Amino acid sequence: MRYVEKTFTEDMGGGCMVDFLILSDGRCVGIDSDSIVLYESYEQARDGVGFLKMIDLWEGEKKC
């Protein structure tokens, strides 16, 4: 079974680069230097809304 349909990196503005994984069921994973976020769709990821789960990679640490 194939889970990932497409991968790419996009500049979200201000030099913030985000890696995206488009899953076969239409959901989208966004990965940056601070977090990993699961969205319902790529469109919602672009708008920064509708996330399903988020993992903060700096849990308990000071963010730069």
Protein backbone atom coordinates (compact mmCIF):
# COMPACT_ATOMS: atom_id res chain seq x y z
CA MET A 1 0.00 0.00 0.00
CA ARG A 2 1.27 3.44 -0.87
CA TYR A 3 0.70 6.17 1.75
CA VAL A 4 2.54 9.18 0.33
CA GLU A 5 1.44 10.58 -3.04
CA LYS A 6 3.74 13.60 -3.29
CA THR A 7 6.50 15.44 -1.41
CA PHE A 8 7.79 18.99 -1.91
CA THR A 9 9.22 22.00 -0.08
CA GLU A 10 7.65 25.44 -0.18
CA ASP A 11 8.67 28.89 1.06
CA MET A 12 5.75 30.04 3.20
CA GLY A 13 7.06 33.60 3.40
CA GLY A 14 9.79 35.28 5.37
CA GLY A 15 12.20 32.46 4.58
CA CYS A 16 10.13 29.88 6.47
CA MET A 17 10.59 26.67 4.52
CA VAL A 18 8.05 23.87 5.02
CA ASP A 19 8.30 20.30 3.73
CA PHE A 20 4.93 18.87 2.70
CA LEU A 21 3.81 15.27 2.37
CA ILE A 22 0.53 14.77 0.53
CA LEU A 23 -0.99 11.50 1.74
CA SER A 24 -3.00 9.14 -0.47
CA ASP A 25 -6.20 9.90 1.49
CA GLY A 26 -5.88 13.66 0.84
CA ARG A 27 -4.49 14.68 4.21
CA CYS A 28 -1.29 16.73 4.34
CA VAL A 29 1.69 16.70 6.70
CA GLY A 30 3.67 19.93 7.11
CA ILE A 31 7.17 19.78 8.63
CA ASP A 32 9.30 22.77 9.61
CA SER A 33 12.07 23.39 12.14
CA ASP A 34 9.55 23.84 14.98
CA SER A 35 6.75 21.34 14.39
CA ILE A 36 5.13 18.48 12.51
CA VAL A 37 1.47 19.14 11.71
CA LEU A 38 -1.23 16.93 10.19
CA TYR A 39 -3.87 18.83 8.22
CA GLU A 40 -7.12 17.70 6.61
CA SER A 41 -5.87 18.93 3.21
CA TYR A 42 -3.05 20.83 1.52
CA GLU A 43 -5.34 23.83 1.04
CA GLN A 44 -5.90 24.02 4.80
CA ALA A 45 -2.17 23.67 5.40
CA ARG A 46 -1.53 26.65 3.09
CA ASP A 47 -4.13 28.67 5.04
CA GLY A 48 -2.83 27.45 8.42
CA VAL A 49 -6.25 26.19 9.54
CA GLY A 50 -7.92 22.84 10.18
CA PHE A 51 -5.02 20.96 11.67
CA LEU A 52 -5.79 17.55 13.17
CA LYS A 53 -2.63 16.90 15.23
CA MET A 54 0.52 18.86 16.03
CA ILE A 55 3.85 17.81 17.50
CA ASP A 56 5.96 20.64 18.93
CA LEU A 57 9.61 19.71 18.37
CA TRP A 58 10.80 22.13 21.06
CA GLU A 59 8.64 20.78 23.89
CA GLY A 60 9.91 22.40 27.04
CA GLU A 61 12.87 24.01 25.28
CA LYS A 62 13.36 27.65 24.40
CA LYS A 63 12.59 28.40 20.75
CA CYS A 64 15.15 30.43 18.84
